[in-house]
């Protein structure tokens, strides 16, 4: 009733991959992350910084919160935006998303 069980021979030993293959894989992954994620984000940050530094009195701006208004005053880190006649709000310069010069 019980049949005889035979053990199979161990498969032939495969050559271990080169340690340089792992290093090359890590370098390739970093390069992909750099060109697809890091570099475009740095470019957007540079563009936004240039946009914020170019704000001047009289520009029409849109904030990150969606407020539309006209720049009434510019300080170092803040700006005053007139959103209605006689209604001015003080905002951080970095909250400006779009500038339309007039």
PDB file of N, CA and C in Angstrom:
ATOM      1  N   UNK A   1       0.800  -1.182   0.000  1.00  0.00           N
ATOM      2  CA  UNK A   1       0.000   0.000   0.000  1.00  0.00           C
ATOM      3  C   UNK A   1       0.857   1.266   0.000  1.00  0.00           C
ATOM      4  N   UNK A   2       1.916   1.246   0.653  1.00  0.00           N
ATOM      5  CA  UNK A   2       2.773   2.416   0.687  1.00  0.00           C
ATOM      6  C   UNK A   2       3.810   2.269  -0.409  1.00  0.00           C
ATOM      7  N   UNK A   3       3.879   3.302  -1.250  1.00  0.00           N
ATOM      8  CA  UNK A   3       4.882   3.243  -2.313  1.00  0.00           C
ATOM      9  C   UNK A   3       6.190   3.848  -1.806  1.00  0.00           C
ATOM     10  N   UNK A   4       7.232   3.546  -2.486  1.00  0.00           N
ATOM     11  CA  UNK A   4       8.545   4.028  -2.085  1.00  0.00           C
ATOM     12  C   UNK A   4       8.694   5.468  -2.567  1.00  0.00           C
ATOM     13  N   UNK A   5       9.196   6.335  -1.701  1.00  0.00           N
ATOM     14  CA  UNK A   5       9.426   7.737  -2.051  1.00  0.00           C
ATOM     15  C   UNK A   5      10.897   7.934  -2.352  1.00  0.00           C
ATOM     16  N   UNK A   6      11.158   8.552  -3.462  1.00  0.00           N
ATOM     17  CA  UNK A   6      12.541   8.826  -3.849  1.00  0.00           C
ATOM     18  C   UNK A   6      12.806  10.334  -3.743  1.00  0.00           C
ATOM     19  N   UNK A   7      13.946  10.685  -3.235  1.00  0.00           N
ATOM     20  CA  UNK A   7      14.325  12.099  -3.140  1.00  0.00           C
ATOM     21  C   UNK A   7      14.905  12.549  -4.467  1.00  0.00           C
ATOM     22  N   UNK A   8      14.560  13.785  -4.832  1.00  0.00           N
ATOM     23  CA  UNK A   8      15.112  14.317  -6.068  1.00  0.00           C
ATOM     24  C   UNK A   8      16.472  14.929  -5.786  1.00  0.00           C
ATOM     25  N   UNK A   9      17.251  14.962  -6.798  1.00  0.00           N
ATOM     26  CA  UNK A   9      18.569  15.583  -6.665  1.00  0.00           C
ATOM     27  C   UNK A   9      18.380  17.092  -6.550  1.00  0.00           C
ATOM     28  N   UNK A  10      19.235  17.738  -5.813  1.00  0.00           N
ATOM     29  CA  UNK A  10      19.182  19.193  -5.657  1.00  0.00           C
ATOM     30  C   UNK A  10      19.451  19.840  -7.005  1.00  0.00           C
ATOM     31  N   UNK A  11      18.747  20.928  -7.295  1.00  0.00           N
ATOM     32  CA  UNK A  11      18.994  21.598  -8.575  1.00  0.00           C
ATOM     33  C   UNK A  11      20.427  22.129  -8.621  1.00  0.00           C
ATOM     34  N   UNK A  12      20.902  22.273  -9.821  1.00  0.00           N
ATOM     35  CA  UNK A  12      22.271  22.767  -9.988  1.00  0.00           C
ATOM     36  C   UNK A  12      22.378  24.153  -9.376  1.00  0.00           C
ATOM     37  N   UNK A  13      23.455  24.423  -8.720  1.00  0.00           N
ATOM     38  CA  UNK A  13      23.668  25.720  -8.074  1.00  0.00           C
ATOM     39  C   UNK A  13      23.742  26.804  -9.140  1.00  0.00           C
ATOM     40  N   UNK A  14      22.964  27.855  -8.919  1.00  0.00           N
ATOM     41  CA  UNK A  14      22.973  28.971  -9.865  1.00  0.00           C
ATOM     42  C   UNK A  14      24.023  29.966  -9.425  1.00  0.00           C
ATOM     43  N   UNK A  15      24.575  30.641 -10.389  1.00  0.00           N
ATOM     44  CA  UNK A  15      25.598  31.652 -10.081  1.00  0.00           C
ATOM     45  C   UNK A  15      24.933  32.816  -9.355  1.00  0.00           C
ATOM     46  N   UNK A  16      25.556  33.268  -8.303  1.00  0.00           N
ATOM     47  CA  UNK A  16      25.027  34.400  -7.540  1.00  0.00           C
ATOM     48  C   UNK A  16      25.131  35.662  -8.388  1.00  0.00           C
ATOM     49  N   UNK A  17      24.091  36.535  -8.326  1.00  0.00           N
ATOM     50  CA  UNK A  17      24.158  37.763  -9.113  1.00  0.00           C
ATOM     51  C   UNK A  17      25.303  38.650  -8.616  1.00  0.00           C
ATOM     52  N   UNK A  18      25.820  39.404  -9.528  1.00  0.00           N
ATOM     53  CA  UNK A  18      26.928  40.291  -9.204  1.00  0.00           C
ATOM     54  C   UNK A  18      26.465  41.353  -8.213  1.00  0.00           C
ATOM     55  N   UNK A  19      27.289  41.721  -7.238  1.00  0.00           N
ATOM     56  CA  UNK A  19      26.889  42.799  -6.320  1.00  0.00           C
ATOM     57  C   UNK A  19      26.735  44.129  -7.052  1.00  0.00           C
ATOM     58  N   UNK A  20      27.382  44.266  -8.187  1.00  0.00           N
ATOM     59  CA  UNK A  20      27.239  45.509  -8.951  1.00  0.00           C
ATOM     60  C   UNK A  20      25.851  45.634  -9.557  1.00  0.00           C
ATOM     61  N   UNK A  21      25.195  44.531  -9.773  1.00  0.00           N
ATOM     62  CA  UNK A  21      23.833  44.580 -10.314  1.00  0.00           C
ATOM     63  C   UNK A  21      22.899  45.272  -9.320  1.00  0.00           C
ATOM     64  N   UNK A  22      23.056  44.988  -8.038  1.00  0.00           N
ATOM     65  CA  UNK A  22      22.224  45.638  -7.019  1.00  0.00           C
ATOM     66  C   UNK A  22      22.520  47.134  -6.942  1.00  0.00           C
ATOM     67  N   UNK A  23      23.782  47.483  -7.012  1.00  0.00           N
ATOM     68  CA  UNK A  23      24.160  48.903  -6.969  1.00  0.00           C
ATOM     69  C   UNK A  23      23.599  49.621  -8.191  1.00  0.00           C
ATOM     70  N   UNK A  24      23.707  48.993  -9.344  1.00  0.00           N
ATOM     71  CA  UNK A  24      23.187  49.589 -10.580  1.00  0.00           C
ATOM     72  C   UNK A  24      21.671  49.777 -10.492  1.00  0.00           C
ATOM     73  N   UNK A  25      20.972  48.819  -9.916  1.00  0.00           N
ATOM     74  CA  UNK A  25      19.530  48.931  -9.745  1.00  0.00           C
ATOM     75  C   UNK A  25      19.175  50.116  -8.838  1.00  0.00           C
ATOM     76  N   UNK A  26      19.891  50.283  -7.741  1.00  0.00           N
ATOM     77  CA  UNK A  26      19.636  51.415  -6.838  1.00  0.00           C
ATOM     78  C   UNK A  26      19.901  52.750  -7.524  1.00  0.00           C
ATOM     79  N   UNK A  27      20.969  52.829  -8.285  1.00  0.00           N
ATOM     80  CA  UNK A  27      21.289  54.066  -9.004  1.00  0.00           C
ATOM     81  C   UNK A  27      20.201  54.373 -10.036  1.00  0.00           C
ATOM     82  N   UNK A  28      19.744  53.352 -10.738  1.00  0.00           N
ATOM     83  CA  UNK A  28      18.685  53.558 -11.728  1.00  0.00           C
ATOM     84  C   UNK A  28      17.395  54.022 -11.061  1.00  0.00           C
ATOM     85  N   UNK A  29      17.053  53.463  -9.918  1.00  0.00           N
ATOM     86  CA  UNK A  29      15.839  53.882  -9.202  1.00  0.00           C
ATOM     87  C   UNK A  29      15.960  55.331  -8.741  1.00  0.00           C
ATOM     88  N   UNK A  30      17.118  55.720  -8.222  1.00  0.00           N
ATOM     89  CA  UNK A  30      17.310  57.102  -7.791  1.00  0.00           C
ATOM     90  C   UNK A  30      17.198  58.054  -8.981  1.00  0.00           C
ATOM     91  N   UNK A  31      17.767  57.675 -10.118  1.00  0.00           N
ATOM     92  CA  UNK A  31      17.690  58.526 -11.307  1.00  0.00           C
ATOM     93  C   UNK A  31      16.242  58.712 -11.751  1.00  0.00           C
ATOM     94  N   UNK A  32      15.463  57.645 -11.709  1.00  0.00           N
ATOM     95  CA  UNK A  32      14.055  57.749 -12.084  1.00  0.00           C
ATOM     96  C   UNK A  32      13.319  58.679 -11.136  1.00  0.00           C
ATOM     97  N   UNK A  33      13.527  58.521  -9.830  1.00  0.00           N
ATOM     98  CA  UNK A  33      12.887  59.419  -8.860  1.00  0.00           C
ATOM     99  C   UNK A  33      13.316  60.860  -9.080  1.00  0.00           C
ATOM    100  N   UNK A  34      14.592  61.074  -9.360  1.00  0.00           N
ATOM    101  CA  UNK A  34      15.091  62.433  -9.540  1.00  0.00           C
ATOM    102  C   UNK A  34      14.417  63.103 -10.734  1.00  0.00           C
ATOM    103  N   UNK A  35      14.387  62.415 -11.872  1.00  0.00           N
ATOM    104  CA  UNK A  35      13.851  63.041 -13.076  1.00  0.00           C
ATOM    105  C   UNK A  35      12.330  63.107 -13.099  1.00  0.00           C
ATOM    106  N   UNK A  36      11.647  62.226 -12.385  1.00  0.00           N
ATOM    107  CA  UNK A  36      10.186  62.241 -12.406  1.00  0.00           C
ATOM    108  C   UNK A  36       9.564  62.996 -11.237  1.00  0.00           C
ATOM    109  N   UNK A  37      10.259  63.110 -10.111  1.00  0.00           N
ATOM    110  CA  UNK A  37       9.666  63.741  -8.937  1.00  0.00           C
ATOM    111  C   UNK A  37      10.421  64.968  -8.450  1.00  0.00           C
ATOM    112  N   UNK A  38      11.692  64.825  -8.186  1.00  0.00           N
ATOM    113  CA  UNK A  38      12.451  65.888  -7.532  1.00  0.00           C
ATOM    114  C   UNK A  38      12.668  67.080  -8.458  1.00  0.00           C
ATOM    115  N   UNK A  39      13.141  66.830  -9.657  1.00  0.00           N
ATOM    116  CA  UNK A  39      13.472  67.917 -10.578  1.00  0.00           C
ATOM    117  C   UNK A  39      12.250  68.762 -10.965  1.00  0.00           C
ATOM    118  N   UNK A  40      11.111  68.172 -11.325  1.00  0.00           N
ATOM    119  CA  UNK A  40       9.941  69.004 -11.640  1.00  0.00           C
ATOM    120  C   UNK A  40       9.462  69.835 -10.445  1.00  0.00           C
ATOM    121  N   UNK A  41       9.557  69.269  -9.230  1.00  0.00           N
ATOM    122  CA  UNK A  41       9.137  70.026  -8.047  1.00  0.00           C
ATOM    123  C   UNK A  41      10.052  71.222  -7.823  1.00  0.00           C
ATOM    124  N   UNK A  42      11.347  71.061  -8.023  1.00  0.00           N
ATOM    125  CA  UNK A  42      12.282  72.176  -7.874  1.00  0.00           C
ATOM    126  C   UNK A  42      11.999  73.251  -8.921  1.00  0.00           C
ATOM    127  N   UNK A  43      11.659  72.848 -10.122  1.00  0.00           N
ATOM    128  CA  UNK A  43      11.348  73.807 -11.180  1.00  0.00           C
ATOM    129  C   UNK A  43      10.101  74.614 -10.821  1.00  0.00           C
ATOM    130  N   UNK A  44       9.054  73.932 -10.328  1.00  0.00           N
ATOM    131  CA  UNK A  44       7.834  74.643  -9.924  1.00  0.00           C
ATOM    132  C   UNK A  44       8.123  75.603  -8.777  1.00  0.00           C
ATOM    133  N   UNK A  45       8.977  75.203  -7.833  1.00  0.00           N
ATOM    134  CA  UNK A  45       9.314  76.074  -6.702  1.00  0.00           C
ATOM    135  C   UNK A  45      10.046  77.323  -7.180  1.00  0.00           C
ATOM    136  N   UNK A  46      10.976  77.171  -8.130  1.00  0.00           N
ATOM    137  CA  UNK A  46      11.692  78.334  -8.674  1.00  0.00           C
ATOM    138  C   UNK A  46      10.730  79.278  -9.395  1.00  0.00           C
ATOM    139  N   UNK A  47       9.812  78.721 -10.176  1.00  0.00           N
ATOM    140  CA  UNK A  47       8.842  79.544 -10.896  1.00  0.00           C
ATOM    141  C   UNK A  47       7.938  80.304  -9.933  1.00  0.00           C
ATOM    142  N   UNK A  48       7.487  79.643  -8.860  1.00  0.00           N
ATOM    143  CA  UNK A  48       6.616  80.304  -7.885  1.00  0.00           C
ATOM    144  C   UNK A  48       7.366  81.406  -7.155  1.00  0.00           C
ATOM    145  N   UNK A  49       8.623  81.152  -6.821  1.00  0.00           N
ATOM    146  CA  UNK A  49       9.430  82.176  -6.143  1.00  0.00           C
ATOM    147  C   UNK A  49       9.582  83.411  -7.027  1.00  0.00           C
ATOM    148  N   UNK A  50       9.842  83.212  -8.312  1.00  0.00           N
ATOM    149  CA  UNK A  50       9.965  84.334  -9.239  1.00  0.00           C
ATOM    150  C   UNK A  50       8.639  85.076  -9.363  1.00  0.00           C
ATOM    151  N   UNK A  51       7.528  84.340  -9.377  1.00  0.00           N
ATOM    152  CA  UNK A  51       6.208  84.955  -9.462  1.00  0.00           C
ATOM    153  C   UNK A  51       5.942  85.825  -8.233  1.00  0.00           C
ATOM    154  N   UNK A  52       6.238  85.298  -7.059  1.00  0.00           N
ATOM    155  CA  UNK A  52       5.984  86.025  -5.813  1.00  0.00           C
ATOM    156  C   UNK A  52       6.867  87.270  -5.718  1.00  0.00           C
ATOM    157  N   UNK A  53       8.106  87.168  -6.168  1.00  0.00           N
ATOM    158  CA  UNK A  53       9.009  88.323  -6.103  1.00  0.00           C
ATOM    159  C   UNK A  53       8.637  89.406  -7.101  1.00  0.00           C
ATOM    160  N   UNK A  54       7.898  89.062  -8.159  1.00  0.00           N
ATOM    161  CA  UNK A  54       7.550  90.048  -9.188  1.00  0.00           C
ATOM    162  C   UNK A  54       6.249  90.794  -8.888  1.00  0.00           C
ATOM    163  N   UNK A  55       5.605  90.521  -7.776  1.00  0.00           N
ATOM    164  CA  UNK A  55       4.343  91.182  -7.444  1.00  0.00           C
ATOM    165  C   UNK A  55       4.589  92.654  -7.182  1.00  0.00           C
ATOM    166  N   UNK A  56       3.727  93.491  -7.779  1.00  0.00           N
ATOM    167  CA  UNK A  56       3.830  94.935  -7.558  1.00  0.00           C
ATOM    168  C   UNK A  56       2.429  95.512  -7.360  1.00  0.00           C
ATOM    169  N   UNK A  57       2.363  96.722  -6.868  1.00  0.00           N
ATOM    170  CA  UNK A  57       1.089  97.385  -6.611  1.00  0.00           C
ATOM    171  C   UNK A  57       0.326  97.518  -7.921  1.00  0.00           C
ATOM    172  N   UNK A  58      -0.950  97.186  -7.887  1.00  0.00           N
ATOM    173  CA  UNK A  58      -1.806  97.292  -9.056  1.00  0.00           C
ATOM    174  C   UNK A  58      -2.035  95.968  -9.766  1.00  0.00           C
ATOM    175  N   UNK A  59      -1.266  94.942  -9.434  1.00  0.00           N
ATOM    176  CA  UNK A  59      -1.447  93.631 -10.061  1.00  0.00           C
ATOM    177  C   UNK A  59      -2.735  92.986  -9.572  1.00  0.00           C
ATOM    178  N   UNK A  60      -3.415  92.300 -10.464  1.00  0.00           N
ATOM    179  CA  UNK A  60      -4.562  91.479 -10.092  1.00  0.00           C
ATOM    180  C   UNK A  60      -4.005  90.118  -9.679  1.00  0.00           C
ATOM    181  N   UNK A  61      -4.390  89.633  -8.506  1.00  0.00           N
ATOM    182  CA  UNK A  61      -3.851  88.370  -8.003  1.00  0.00           C
ATOM    183  C   UNK A  61      -4.978  87.420  -7.619  1.00  0.00           C
ATOM    184  N   UNK A  62      -4.635  86.132  -7.599  1.00  0.00           N
ATOM    185  CA  UNK A  62      -5.529  85.094  -7.098  1.00  0.00           C
ATOM    186  C   UNK A  62      -4.746  84.327  -6.044  1.00  0.00           C
ATOM    187  N   UNK A  63      -5.348  84.145  -4.873  1.00  0.00           N
ATOM    188  CA  UNK A  63      -4.674  83.451  -3.779  1.00  0.00           C
ATOM    189  C   UNK A  63      -4.954  81.955  -3.839  1.00  0.00           C
ATOM    190  N   UNK A  64      -4.239  81.215  -3.005  1.00  0.00           N
ATOM    191  CA  UNK A  64      -4.444  79.765  -2.930  1.00  0.00           C
ATOM    192  C   UNK A  64      -5.847  79.443  -2.433  1.00  0.00           C
ATOM    193  N   UNK A  65      -6.446  80.344  -1.692  1.00  0.00           N
ATOM    194  CA  UNK A  65      -7.800  80.140  -1.191  1.00  0.00           C
ATOM    195  C   UNK A  65      -8.876  80.558  -2.183  1.00  0.00           C
ATOM    196  N   UNK A  66      -8.460  81.092  -3.347  1.00  0.00           N
ATOM    197  CA  UNK A  66      -9.421  81.470  -4.369  1.00  0.00           C
ATOM    198  C   UNK A  66      -9.885  82.911  -4.296  1.00  0.00           C
ATOM    199  N   UNK A  67      -9.241  83.741  -3.486  1.00  0.00           N
ATOM    200  CA  UNK A  67      -9.625  85.145  -3.365  1.00  0.00           C
ATOM    201  C   UNK A  67      -9.002  85.928  -4.519  1.00  0.00           C
ATOM    202  N   UNK A  68      -9.831  86.684  -5.217  1.00  0.00           N
ATOM    203  CA  UNK A  68      -9.375  87.539  -6.312  1.00  0.00           C
ATOM    204  C   UNK A  68      -9.321  88.963  -5.795  1.00  0.00           C
ATOM    205  N   UNK A  69      -8.285  89.688  -6.147  1.00  0.00           N
ATOM    206  CA  UNK A  69      -8.196  91.066  -5.715  1.00  0.00           C
ATOM    207  C   UNK A  69      -7.062  91.791  -6.392  1.00  0.00           C
ATOM    208  N   UNK A  70      -6.904  93.059  -5.993  1.00  0.00           N
ATOM    209  CA  UNK A  70      -5.889  93.938  -6.556  1.00  0.00           C
ATOM    210  C   UNK A  70      -4.896  94.287  -5.457  1.00  0.00           C
ATOM    211  N   UNK A  71      -3.603  94.205  -5.755  1.00  0.00           N
ATOM    212  CA  UNK A  71      -2.568  94.482  -4.761  1.00  0.00           C
ATOM    213  C   UNK A  71      -2.579  95.976  -4.441  1.00  0.00           C
ATOM    214  N   UNK A  72      -2.741  96.289  -3.149  1.00  0.00           N
ATOM    215  CA  UNK A  72      -2.775  97.683  -2.705  1.00  0.00           C
ATOM    216  C   UNK A  72      -1.446  98.110  -2.111  1.00  0.00           C
ATOM    217  N   UNK A  73      -0.716  97.193  -1.462  1.00  0.00           N
ATOM    218  CA  UNK A  73       0.574  97.521  -0.847  1.00  0.00           C
ATOM    219  C   UNK A  73       1.416  96.249  -0.802  1.00  0.00           C
ATOM    220  N   UNK A  74       2.736  96.454  -0.874  1.00  0.00           N
ATOM    221  CA  UNK A  74       3.670  95.325  -0.859  1.00  0.00           C
ATOM    222  C   UNK A  74       4.697  95.567   0.234  1.00  0.00           C
ATOM    223  N   UNK A  75       4.828  94.606   1.155  1.00  0.00           N
ATOM    224  CA  UNK A  75       5.873  94.647   2.167  1.00  0.00           C
ATOM    225  C   UNK A  75       6.847  93.500   1.888  1.00  0.00           C
ATOM    226  N   UNK A  76       7.768  93.252   2.829  1.00  0.00           N
ATOM    227  CA  UNK A  76       8.765  92.200   2.629  1.00  0.00           C
ATOM    228  C   UNK A  76       8.124  90.827   2.489  1.00  0.00           C
ATOM    229  N   UNK A  77       7.362  90.394   3.477  1.00  0.00           N
ATOM    230  CA  UNK A  77       6.787  89.051   3.487  1.00  0.00           C
ATOM    231  C   UNK A  77       5.274  89.028   3.283  1.00  0.00           C
ATOM    232  N   UNK A  78       4.645  90.209   3.298  1.00  0.00           N
ATOM    233  CA  UNK A  78       3.188  90.265   3.176  1.00  0.00           C
ATOM    234  C   UNK A  78       2.785  91.258   2.096  1.00  0.00           C
ATOM    235  N   UNK A  79       1.540  91.124   1.663  1.00  0.00           N
ATOM    236  CA  UNK A  79       0.955  92.092   0.738  1.00  0.00           C
ATOM    237  C   UNK A  79      -0.451  92.410   1.213  1.00  0.00           C
ATOM    238  N   UNK A  80      -0.930  93.601   0.835  1.00  0.00           N
ATOM    239  CA  UNK A  80      -2.314  93.960   1.101  1.00  0.00           C
ATOM    240  C   UNK A  80      -3.068  93.848  -0.208  1.00  0.00           C
ATOM    241  N   UNK A  81      -4.171  93.116  -0.160  1.00  0.00           N
ATOM    242  CA  UNK A  81      -4.986  92.905  -1.356  1.00  0.00           C
ATOM    243  C   UNK A  81      -6.343  93.546  -1.128  1.00  0.00           C
ATOM    244  N   UNK A  82      -6.766  94.384  -2.066  1.00  0.00           N
ATOM    245  CA  UNK A  82      -8.085  95.009  -1.995  1.00  0.00           C
ATOM    246  C   UNK A  82      -9.061  94.102  -2.731  1.00  0.00           C
ATOM    247  N   UNK A  83      -9.996  93.515  -1.968  1.00  0.00           N
ATOM    248  CA  UNK A  83     -10.934  92.570  -2.565  1.00  0.00           C
ATOM    249  C   UNK A  83     -12.269  93.225  -2.927  1.00  0.00           C
ATOM    250  N   UNK A  84     -12.519  94.395  -2.361  1.00  0.00           N
ATOM    251  CA  UNK A  84     -13.690  95.200  -2.703  1.00  0.00           C
ATOM    252  C   UNK A  84     -13.312  96.645  -2.383  1.00  0.00           C
ATOM    253  N   UNK A  85     -14.092  97.565  -2.829  1.00  0.00           N
ATOM    254  CA  UNK A  85     -13.784  98.969  -2.590  1.00  0.00           C
ATOM    255  C   UNK A  85     -13.701  99.228  -1.083  1.00  0.00           C
ATOM    256  N   UNK A  86     -12.514  99.620  -0.635  1.00  0.00           N
ATOM    257  CA  UNK A  86     -12.288  99.923   0.769  1.00  0.00           C
ATOM    258  C   UNK A  86     -12.049  98.707   1.655  1.00  0.00           C
ATOM    259  N   UNK A  87     -12.079  97.504   1.125  1.00  0.00           N
ATOM    260  CA  UNK A  87     -11.867  96.288   1.906  1.00  0.00           C
ATOM    261  C   UNK A  87     -10.507  95.708   1.533  1.00  0.00           C
ATOM    262  N   UNK A  88      -9.573  95.781   2.485  1.00  0.00           N
ATOM    263  CA  UNK A  88      -8.217  95.289   2.239  1.00  0.00           C
ATOM    264  C   UNK A  88      -7.897  94.189   3.233  1.00  0.00           C
ATOM    265  N   UNK A  89      -7.225  93.153   2.741  1.00  0.00           N
ATOM    266  CA  UNK A  89      -6.784  92.066   3.617  1.00  0.00           C
ATOM    267  C   UNK A  89      -5.274  91.913   3.461  1.00  0.00           C
ATOM    268  N   UNK A  90      -4.663  91.484   4.549  1.00  0.00           N
ATOM    269  CA  UNK A  90      -3.219  91.269   4.538  1.00  0.00           C
ATOM    270  C   UNK A  90      -2.963  89.778   4.359  1.00  0.00           C
ATOM    271  N   UNK A  91      -2.096  89.433   3.397  1.00  0.00           N
ATOM    272  CA  UNK A  91      -1.811  88.039   3.075  1.00  0.00           C
ATOM    273  C   UNK A  91      -0.312  87.801   3.014  1.00  0.00           C
ATOM    274  N   UNK A  92       0.056  86.582   3.224  1.00  0.00           N
ATOM    275  CA  UNK A  92       1.439  86.166   3.018  1.00  0.00           C
ATOM    276  C   UNK A  92       1.706  86.129   1.517  1.00  0.00           C
ATOM    277  N   UNK A  93       2.903  86.551   1.117  1.00  0.00           N
ATOM    278  CA  UNK A  93       3.228  86.571  -0.313  1.00  0.00           C
ATOM    279  C   UNK A  93       3.183  85.164  -0.914  1.00  0.00           C
ATOM    280  N   UNK A  94       3.537  84.168  -0.127  1.00  0.00           N
ATOM    281  CA  UNK A  94       3.593  82.804  -0.660  1.00  0.00           C
ATOM    282  C   UNK A  94       2.213  82.226  -0.956  1.00  0.00           C
ATOM    283  N   UNK A  95       1.147  82.866  -0.482  1.00  0.00           N
ATOM    284  CA  UNK A  95      -0.193  82.357  -0.740  1.00  0.00           C
ATOM    285  C   UNK A  95      -0.720  82.783  -2.117  1.00  0.00           C
ATOM    286  N   UNK A  96       0.038  83.594  -2.834  1.00  0.00           N
ATOM    287  CA  UNK A  96      -0.377  84.026  -4.172  1.00  0.00           C
ATOM    288  C   UNK A  96      -0.081  82.919  -5.178  1.00  0.00           C
ATOM    289  N   UNK A  97      -1.088  82.606  -5.996  1.00  0.00           N
ATOM    290  CA  UNK A  97      -0.955  81.529  -6.975  1.00  0.00           C
ATOM    291  C   UNK A  97      -0.802  82.097  -8.381  1.00  0.00           C
ATOM    292  N   UNK A  98      -1.575  83.126  -8.707  1.00  0.00           N
ATOM    293  CA  UNK A  98      -1.566  83.700 -10.052  1.00  0.00           C
ATOM    294  C   UNK A  98      -1.476  85.209  -9.977  1.00  0.00           C
ATOM    295  N   UNK A  99      -0.719  85.810 -10.884  1.00  0.00           N
ATOM    296  CA  UNK A  99      -0.591  87.272 -10.978  1.00  0.00           C
ATOM    297  C   UNK A  99      -0.941  87.680 -12.396  1.00  0.00           C
ATOM    298  N   UNK A 100      -1.830  88.673 -12.498  1.00  0.00           N
ATOM    299  CA  UNK A 100      -2.181  89.248 -13.802  1.00  0.00           C
ATOM    300  C   UNK A 100      -1.799  90.717 -13.747  1.00  0.00           C
ATOM    301  N   UNK A 101      -0.750  91.096 -14.434  1.00  0.00           N
ATOM    302  CA  UNK A 101      -0.298  92.494 -14.433  1.00  0.00           C
ATOM    303  C   UNK A 101      -1.252  93.350 -15.235  1.00  0.00           C
ATOM    304  N   UNK A 102      -1.410  94.586 -14.787  1.00  0.00           N
ATOM    305  CA  UNK A 102      -2.265  95.538 -15.526  1.00  0.00           C
ATOM    306  C   UNK A 102      -1.447  96.684 -16.015  1.00  0.00           C
TER     307      UNK A 102
END
